[in-house]
Amino acid sequence: MDKQLQPHEFVAIKEQVIILNKAFNSVNDKNVKAVVQADVVETVKGILPDIEIATDFLNQLPEIATSRQRAESAFK
């Protein structure tokens, strides 16, 4: 049985992407970006119900993180 995302889970994932996007756009230190990205990945893995779905989404994170437009379009 497939589990659907609940509204609070969707909002939590969206907030994590916003955090990642802001970090990538405002921080110059590669180590800080890596730590923020690792934290976001772990948080999203805990929220998404299926490993395959989580992997697909997480593979898009670096691309989503660099552009606010891409981040917003990921949730439409």
PDB file of N, CA and C in Angstrom:
ATOM      1  N   MET A   1       0.842  -1.176   0.000  1.00  0.00           N
ATOM      2  CA  MET A   1       0.000   0.000   0.000  1.00  0.00           C
ATOM      3  C   MET A   1       0.894   1.248   0.000  1.00  0.00           C
ATOM      4  N   ASP A   2       0.652   2.127  -0.961  1.00  0.00           N
ATOM      5  CA  ASP A   2       1.434   3.354  -1.056  1.00  0.00           C
ATOM      6  C   ASP A   2       0.905   4.396  -0.079  1.00  0.00           C
ATOM      7  N   LYS A   3       1.827   5.001   0.594  1.00  0.00           N
ATOM      8  CA  LYS A   3       1.469   6.057   1.535  1.00  0.00           C
ATOM      9  C   LYS A   3       1.529   7.395   0.812  1.00  0.00           C
ATOM     10  N   GLN A   4       0.505   8.189   0.979  1.00  0.00           N
ATOM     11  CA  GLN A   4       0.503   9.520   0.397  1.00  0.00           C
ATOM     12  C   GLN A   4       1.081  10.507   1.397  1.00  0.00           C
ATOM     13  N   LEU A   5       1.684  11.559   0.843  1.00  0.00           N
ATOM     14  CA  LEU A   5       2.188  12.613   1.713  1.00  0.00           C
ATOM     15  C   LEU A   5       1.033  13.357   2.354  1.00  0.00           C
ATOM     16  N   GLN A   6       1.171  13.609   3.618  1.00  0.00           N
ATOM     17  CA  GLN A   6       0.205  14.429   4.327  1.00  0.00           C
ATOM     18  C   GLN A   6       0.592  15.896   4.113  1.00  0.00           C
ATOM     19  N   PRO A   7      -0.350  16.802   4.265  1.00  0.00           N
ATOM     20  CA  PRO A   7      -0.033  18.224   4.050  1.00  0.00           C
ATOM     21  C   PRO A   7       1.144  18.718   4.878  1.00  0.00           C
ATOM     22  N   HIS A   8       1.221  18.297   6.138  1.00  0.00           N
ATOM     23  CA  HIS A   8       2.336  18.757   6.980  1.00  0.00           C
ATOM     24  C   HIS A   8       3.676  18.205   6.490  1.00  0.00           C
ATOM     25  N   GLU A   9       3.677  17.012   5.886  1.00  0.00           N
ATOM     26  CA  GLU A   9       4.911  16.453   5.333  1.00  0.00           C
ATOM     27  C   GLU A   9       5.350  17.231   4.094  1.00  0.00           C
ATOM     28  N   PHE A  10       4.381  17.565   3.253  1.00  0.00           N
ATOM     29  CA  PHE A  10       4.669  18.362   2.061  1.00  0.00           C
ATOM     30  C   PHE A  10       5.275  19.705   2.450  1.00  0.00           C
ATOM     31  N   VAL A  11       4.675  20.357   3.429  1.00  0.00           N
ATOM     32  CA  VAL A  11       5.160  21.662   3.882  1.00  0.00           C
ATOM     33  C   VAL A  11       6.568  21.519   4.472  1.00  0.00           C
ATOM     34  N   ALA A  12       6.811  20.457   5.217  1.00  0.00           N
ATOM     35  CA  ALA A  12       8.133  20.249   5.813  1.00  0.00           C
ATOM     36  C   ALA A  12       9.202  20.069   4.737  1.00  0.00           C
ATOM     37  N   ILE A  13       8.886  19.319   3.697  1.00  0.00           N
ATOM     38  CA  ILE A  13       9.840  19.123   2.597  1.00  0.00           C
ATOM     39  C   ILE A  13      10.065  20.435   1.868  1.00  0.00           C
ATOM     40  N   LYS A  14       9.003  21.164   1.629  1.00  0.00           N
ATOM     41  CA  LYS A  14       9.124  22.452   0.946  1.00  0.00           C
ATOM     42  C   LYS A  14       9.998  23.409   1.761  1.00  0.00           C
ATOM     43  N   GLU A  15       9.827  23.428   3.070  1.00  0.00           N
ATOM     44  CA  GLU A  15      10.645  24.289   3.932  1.00  0.00           C
ATOM     45  C   GLU A  15      12.116  23.884   3.861  1.00  0.00           C
ATOM     46  N   GLN A  16      12.381  22.586   3.792  1.00  0.00           N
ATOM     47  CA  GLN A  16      13.758  22.115   3.691  1.00  0.00           C
ATOM     48  C   GLN A  16      14.402  22.568   2.378  1.00  0.00           C
ATOM     49  N   VAL A  17      13.638  22.532   1.303  1.00  0.00           N
ATOM     50  CA  VAL A  17      14.157  22.983   0.009  1.00  0.00           C
ATOM     51  C   VAL A  17      14.431  24.489   0.049  1.00  0.00           C
ATOM     52  N   ILE A  18      13.574  25.236   0.708  1.00  0.00           N
ATOM     53  CA  ILE A  18      13.795  26.685   0.839  1.00  0.00           C
ATOM     54  C   ILE A  18      15.072  26.954   1.639  1.00  0.00           C
ATOM     55  N   ILE A  19      15.279  26.203   2.705  1.00  0.00           N
ATOM     56  CA  ILE A  19      16.501  26.348   3.505  1.00  0.00           C
ATOM     57  C   ILE A  19      17.727  26.066   2.644  1.00  0.00           C
ATOM     58  N   LEU A  20      17.675  25.001   1.875  1.00  0.00           N
ATOM     59  CA  LEU A  20      18.788  24.640   1.009  1.00  0.00           C
ATOM     60  C   LEU A  20      19.027  25.701  -0.051  1.00  0.00           C
ATOM     61  N   ASN A  21      17.955  26.193  -0.642  1.00  0.00           N
ATOM     62  CA  ASN A  21      18.068  27.232  -1.666  1.00  0.00           C
ATOM     63  C   ASN A  21      18.699  28.494  -1.102  1.00  0.00           C
ATOM     64  N   LYS A  22      18.260  28.909   0.075  1.00  0.00           N
ATOM     65  CA  LYS A  22      18.825  30.107   0.699  1.00  0.00           C
ATOM     66  C   LYS A  22      20.304  29.916   1.033  1.00  0.00           C
ATOM     67  N   ALA A  23      20.658  28.727   1.507  1.00  0.00           N
ATOM     68  CA  ALA A  23      22.061  28.461   1.833  1.00  0.00           C
ATOM     69  C   ALA A  23      22.932  28.508   0.578  1.00  0.00           C
ATOM     70  N   PHE A  24      22.463  27.906  -0.500  1.00  0.00           N
ATOM     71  CA  PHE A  24      23.250  27.891  -1.729  1.00  0.00           C
ATOM     72  C   PHE A  24      23.381  29.282  -2.332  1.00  0.00           C
ATOM     73  N   ASN A  25      22.410  30.135  -2.103  1.00  0.00           N
ATOM     74  CA  ASN A  25      22.453  31.476  -2.680  1.00  0.00           C
ATOM     75  C   ASN A  25      23.139  32.507  -1.783  1.00  0.00           C
ATOM     76  N   SER A  26      23.333  32.201  -0.517  1.00  0.00           N
ATOM     77  CA  SER A  26      23.893  33.212   0.374  1.00  0.00           C
ATOM     78  C   SER A  26      25.225  32.831   1.012  1.00  0.00           C
ATOM     79  N   VAL A  27      25.606  31.567   0.943  1.00  0.00           N
ATOM     80  CA  VAL A  27      26.822  31.104   1.594  1.00  0.00           C
ATOM     81  C   VAL A  27      27.868  30.774   0.537  1.00  0.00           C
ATOM     82  N   ASN A  28      29.106  31.176   0.793  1.00  0.00           N
ATOM     83  CA  ASN A  28      30.186  30.890  -0.138  1.00  0.00           C
ATOM     84  C   ASN A  28      31.013  29.669   0.249  1.00  0.00           C
ATOM     85  N   ASP A  29      30.987  29.292   1.499  1.00  0.00           N
ATOM     86  CA  ASP A  29      31.800  28.183   1.984  1.00  0.00           C
ATOM     87  C   ASP A  29      31.215  26.842   1.533  1.00  0.00           C
ATOM     88  N   LYS A  30      32.017  26.075   0.803  1.00  0.00           N
ATOM     89  CA  LYS A  30      31.558  24.774   0.295  1.00  0.00           C
ATOM     90  C   LYS A  30      31.219  23.808   1.429  1.00  0.00           C
ATOM     91  N   ASN A  31      31.963  23.901   2.523  1.00  0.00           N
ATOM     92  CA  ASN A  31      31.708  23.000   3.653  1.00  0.00           C
ATOM     93  C   ASN A  31      30.355  23.280   4.300  1.00  0.00           C
ATOM     94  N   VAL A  32      30.007  24.538   4.428  1.00  0.00           N
ATOM     95  CA  VAL A  32      28.708  24.905   4.995  1.00  0.00           C
ATOM     96  C   VAL A  32      27.591  24.416   4.082  1.00  0.00           C
ATOM     97  N   LYS A  33      27.761  24.619   2.780  1.00  0.00           N
ATOM     98  CA  LYS A  33      26.754  24.139   1.822  1.00  0.00           C
ATOM     99  C   LYS A  33      26.592  22.631   1.913  1.00  0.00           C
ATOM    100  N   ALA A  34      27.695  21.917   2.045  1.00  0.00           N
ATOM    101  CA  ALA A  34      27.649  20.454   2.142  1.00  0.00           C
ATOM    102  C   ALA A  34      26.922  20.005   3.410  1.00  0.00           C
ATOM    103  N   VAL A  35      27.164  20.691   4.517  1.00  0.00           N
ATOM    104  CA  VAL A  35      26.507  20.340   5.778  1.00  0.00           C
ATOM    105  C   VAL A  35      25.003  20.612   5.692  1.00  0.00           C
ATOM    106  N   VAL A  36      24.642  21.759   5.146  1.00  0.00           N
ATOM    107  CA  VAL A  36      23.219  22.080   4.999  1.00  0.00           C
ATOM    108  C   VAL A  36      22.546  21.062   4.087  1.00  0.00           C
ATOM    109  N   GLN A  37      23.210  20.718   2.971  1.00  0.00           N
ATOM    110  CA  GLN A  37      22.627  19.749   2.048  1.00  0.00           C
ATOM    111  C   GLN A  37      22.482  18.382   2.713  1.00  0.00           C
ATOM    112  N   ALA A  38      23.478  17.953   3.469  1.00  0.00           N
ATOM    113  CA  ALA A  38      23.400  16.667   4.162  1.00  0.00           C
ATOM    114  C   ALA A  38      22.251  16.655   5.175  1.00  0.00           C
ATOM    115  N   ASP A  39      22.074  17.760   5.879  1.00  0.00           N
ATOM    116  CA  ASP A  39      20.981  17.856   6.847  1.00  0.00           C
ATOM    117  C   ASP A  39      19.624  17.787   6.153  1.00  0.00           C
ATOM    118  N   VAL A  40      19.507  18.496   5.043  1.00  0.00           N
ATOM    119  CA  VAL A  40      18.248  18.474   4.280  1.00  0.00           C
ATOM    120  C   VAL A  40      17.972  17.072   3.752  1.00  0.00           C
ATOM    121  N   VAL A  41      18.996  16.409   3.238  1.00  0.00           N
ATOM    122  CA  VAL A  41      18.830  15.048   2.716  1.00  0.00           C
ATOM    123  C   VAL A  41      18.323  14.109   3.804  1.00  0.00           C
ATOM    124  N   GLU A  42      18.917  14.166   4.976  1.00  0.00           N
ATOM    125  CA  GLU A  42      18.487  13.291   6.074  1.00  0.00           C
ATOM    126  C   GLU A  42      17.061  13.601   6.514  1.00  0.00           C
ATOM    127  N   THR A  43      16.721  14.864   6.565  1.00  0.00           N
ATOM    128  CA  THR A  43      15.362  15.251   6.962  1.00  0.00           C
ATOM    129  C   THR A  43      14.337  14.763   5.944  1.00  0.00           C
ATOM    130  N   VAL A  44      14.634  14.959   4.660  1.00  0.00           N
ATOM    131  CA  VAL A  44      13.705  14.542   3.606  1.00  0.00           C
ATOM    132  C   VAL A  44      13.584  13.020   3.556  1.00  0.00           C
ATOM    133  N   LYS A  45      14.686  12.309   3.755  1.00  0.00           N
ATOM    134  CA  LYS A  45      14.623  10.843   3.784  1.00  0.00           C
ATOM    135  C   LYS A  45      13.694  10.357   4.893  1.00  0.00           C
ATOM    136  N   GLY A  46      13.680  11.065   6.009  1.00  0.00           N
ATOM    137  CA  GLY A  46      12.803  10.687   7.116  1.00  0.00           C
ATOM    138  C   GLY A  46      11.337  10.969   6.845  1.00  0.00           C
ATOM    139  N   ILE A  47      11.065  11.879   5.909  1.00  0.00           N
ATOM    140  CA  ILE A  47       9.682  12.258   5.630  1.00  0.00           C
ATOM    141  C   ILE A  47       9.087  11.447   4.482  1.00  0.00           C
ATOM    142  N   LEU A  48       9.862  11.265   3.408  1.00  0.00           N
ATOM    143  CA  LEU A  48       9.318  10.596   2.224  1.00  0.00           C
ATOM    144  C   LEU A  48       9.055   9.123   2.514  1.00  0.00           C
ATOM    145  N   PRO A  49       7.905   8.623   2.063  1.00  0.00           N
ATOM    146  CA  PRO A  49       7.465   7.288   2.437  1.00  0.00           C
ATOM    147  C   PRO A  49       8.181   6.145   1.719  1.00  0.00           C
ATOM    148  N   ASP A  50       8.736   6.393   0.555  1.00  0.00           N
ATOM    149  CA  ASP A  50       9.283   5.323  -0.268  1.00  0.00           C
ATOM    150  C   ASP A  50      10.725   5.655  -0.646  1.00  0.00           C
ATOM    151  N   ILE A  51      11.596   4.679  -0.548  1.00  0.00           N
ATOM    152  CA  ILE A  51      13.012   4.891  -0.863  1.00  0.00           C
ATOM    153  C   ILE A  51      13.188   5.321  -2.315  1.00  0.00           C
ATOM    154  N   GLU A  52      12.446   4.733  -3.229  1.00  0.00           N
ATOM    155  CA  GLU A  52      12.572   5.076  -4.649  1.00  0.00           C
ATOM    156  C   GLU A  52      12.160   6.530  -4.904  1.00  0.00           C
ATOM    157  N   ILE A  53      11.064   6.944  -4.306  1.00  0.00           N
ATOM    158  CA  ILE A  53      10.605   8.328  -4.440  1.00  0.00           C
ATOM    159  C   ILE A  53      11.624   9.270  -3.812  1.00  0.00           C
ATOM    160  N   ALA A  54      12.123   8.910  -2.646  1.00  0.00           N
ATOM    161  CA  ALA A  54      13.117   9.738  -1.961  1.00  0.00           C
ATOM    162  C   ALA A  54      14.370   9.889  -2.816  1.00  0.00           C
ATOM    163  N   THR A  55      14.832   8.788  -3.415  1.00  0.00           N
ATOM    164  CA  THR A  55      16.038   8.833  -4.248  1.00  0.00           C
ATOM    165  C   THR A  55      15.827   9.724  -5.460  1.00  0.00           C
ATOM    166  N   ASP A  56      14.683   9.595  -6.112  1.00  0.00           N
ATOM    167  CA  ASP A  56      14.382  10.446  -7.275  1.00  0.00           C
ATOM    168  C   ASP A  56      14.381  11.919  -6.882  1.00  0.00           C
ATOM    169  N   PHE A  57      13.751  12.241  -5.790  1.00  0.00           N
ATOM    170  CA  PHE A  57      13.676  13.628  -5.344  1.00  0.00           C
ATOM    171  C   PHE A  57      15.052  14.147  -4.944  1.00  0.00           C
ATOM    172  N   LEU A  58      15.790  13.347  -4.191  1.00  0.00           N
ATOM    173  CA  LEU A  58      17.092  13.784  -3.695  1.00  0.00           C
ATOM    174  C   LEU A  58      18.108  13.942  -4.819  1.00  0.00           C
ATOM    175  N   ASN A  59      17.950  13.192  -5.899  1.00  0.00           N
ATOM    176  CA  ASN A  59      18.833  13.354  -7.048  1.00  0.00           C
ATOM    177  C   ASN A  59      18.646  14.720  -7.709  1.00  0.00           C
ATOM    178  N   GLN A  60      17.488  15.313  -7.533  1.00  0.00           N
ATOM    179  CA  GLN A  60      17.190  16.624  -8.113  1.00  0.00           C
ATOM    180  C   GLN A  60      17.597  17.777  -7.200  1.00  0.00           C
ATOM    181  N   LEU A  61      17.949  17.489  -5.960  1.00  0.00           N
ATOM    182  CA  LEU A  61      18.233  18.560  -4.998  1.00  0.00           C
ATOM    183  C   LEU A  61      19.324  19.536  -5.425  1.00  0.00           C
ATOM    184  N   PRO A  62      20.480  19.075  -5.905  1.00  0.00           N
ATOM    185  CA  PRO A  62      21.502  20.068  -6.289  1.00  0.00           C
ATOM    186  C   PRO A  62      21.007  21.037  -7.365  1.00  0.00           C
ATOM    187  N   GLU A  63      20.235  20.529  -8.307  1.00  0.00           N
ATOM    188  CA  GLU A  63      19.668  21.368  -9.363  1.00  0.00           C
ATOM    189  C   GLU A  63      18.627  22.326  -8.794  1.00  0.00           C
ATOM    190  N   ILE A  64      17.790  21.827  -7.911  1.00  0.00           N
ATOM    191  CA  ILE A  64      16.743  22.644  -7.303  1.00  0.00           C
ATOM    192  C   ILE A  64      17.352  23.713  -6.403  1.00  0.00           C
ATOM    193  N   ALA A  65      18.429  23.371  -5.713  1.00  0.00           N
ATOM    194  CA  ALA A  65      19.019  24.275  -4.727  1.00  0.00           C
ATOM    195  C   ALA A  65      19.599  25.533  -5.350  1.00  0.00           C
ATOM    196  N   THR A  66      20.008  25.469  -6.596  1.00  0.00           N
ATOM    197  CA  THR A  66      20.692  26.612  -7.199  1.00  0.00           C
ATOM    198  C   THR A  66      19.746  27.662  -7.752  1.00  0.00           C
ATOM    199  N   SER A  67      18.475  27.347  -7.908  1.00  0.00           N
ATOM    200  CA  SER A  67      17.548  28.293  -8.523  1.00  0.00           C
ATOM    201  C   SER A  67      16.219  28.315  -7.781  1.00  0.00           C
ATOM    202  N   ARG A  68      15.770  29.484  -7.428  1.00  0.00           N
ATOM    203  CA  ARG A  68      14.482  29.622  -6.742  1.00  0.00           C
ATOM    204  C   ARG A  68      13.333  29.202  -7.659  1.00  0.00           C
ATOM    205  N   GLN A  69      13.451  29.506  -8.948  1.00  0.00           N
ATOM    206  CA  GLN A  69      12.400  29.124  -9.899  1.00  0.00           C
ATOM    207  C   GLN A  69      12.291  27.606  -9.983  1.00  0.00           C
ATOM    208  N   ARG A  70      13.428  26.922 -10.009  1.00  0.00           N
ATOM    209  CA  ARG A  70      13.394  25.456 -10.045  1.00  0.00           C
ATOM    210  C   ARG A  70      12.821  24.887  -8.762  1.00  0.00           C
ATOM    211  N   ALA A  71      13.149  25.525  -7.643  1.00  0.00           N
ATOM    212  CA  ALA A  71      12.626  25.060  -6.356  1.00  0.00           C
ATOM    213  C   ALA A  71      11.109  25.213  -6.332  1.00  0.00           C
ATOM    214  N   GLU A  72      10.605  26.347  -6.807  1.00  0.00           N
ATOM    215  CA  GLU A  72       9.155  26.571  -6.808  1.00  0.00           C
ATOM    216  C   GLU A  72       8.457  25.633  -7.785  1.00  0.00           C
ATOM    217  N   SER A  73       9.071  25.382  -8.941  1.00  0.00           N
ATOM    218  CA  SER A  73       8.429  24.503  -9.928  1.00  0.00           C
ATOM    219  C   SER A  73       8.442  23.044  -9.483  1.00  0.00           C
ATOM    220  N   ALA A  74       9.335  22.675  -8.577  1.00  0.00           N
ATOM    221  CA  ALA A  74       9.387  21.309  -8.086  1.00  0.00           C
ATOM    222  C   ALA A  74       8.165  20.958  -7.257  1.00  0.00           C
ATOM    223  N   PHE A  75       7.463  21.976  -6.758  1.00  0.00           N
ATOM    224  CA  PHE A  75       6.307  21.746  -5.901  1.00  0.00           C
ATOM    225  C   PHE A  75       4.982  22.050  -6.585  1.00  0.00           C
ATOM    226  N   LYS A  76       5.006  22.156  -7.879  1.00  0.00           N
ATOM    227  CA  LYS A  76       3.739  22.396  -8.605  1.00  0.00           C
ATOM    228  C   LYS A  76       3.192  21.114  -9.144  1.00  0.00           C
TER     229      LYS A  76
END
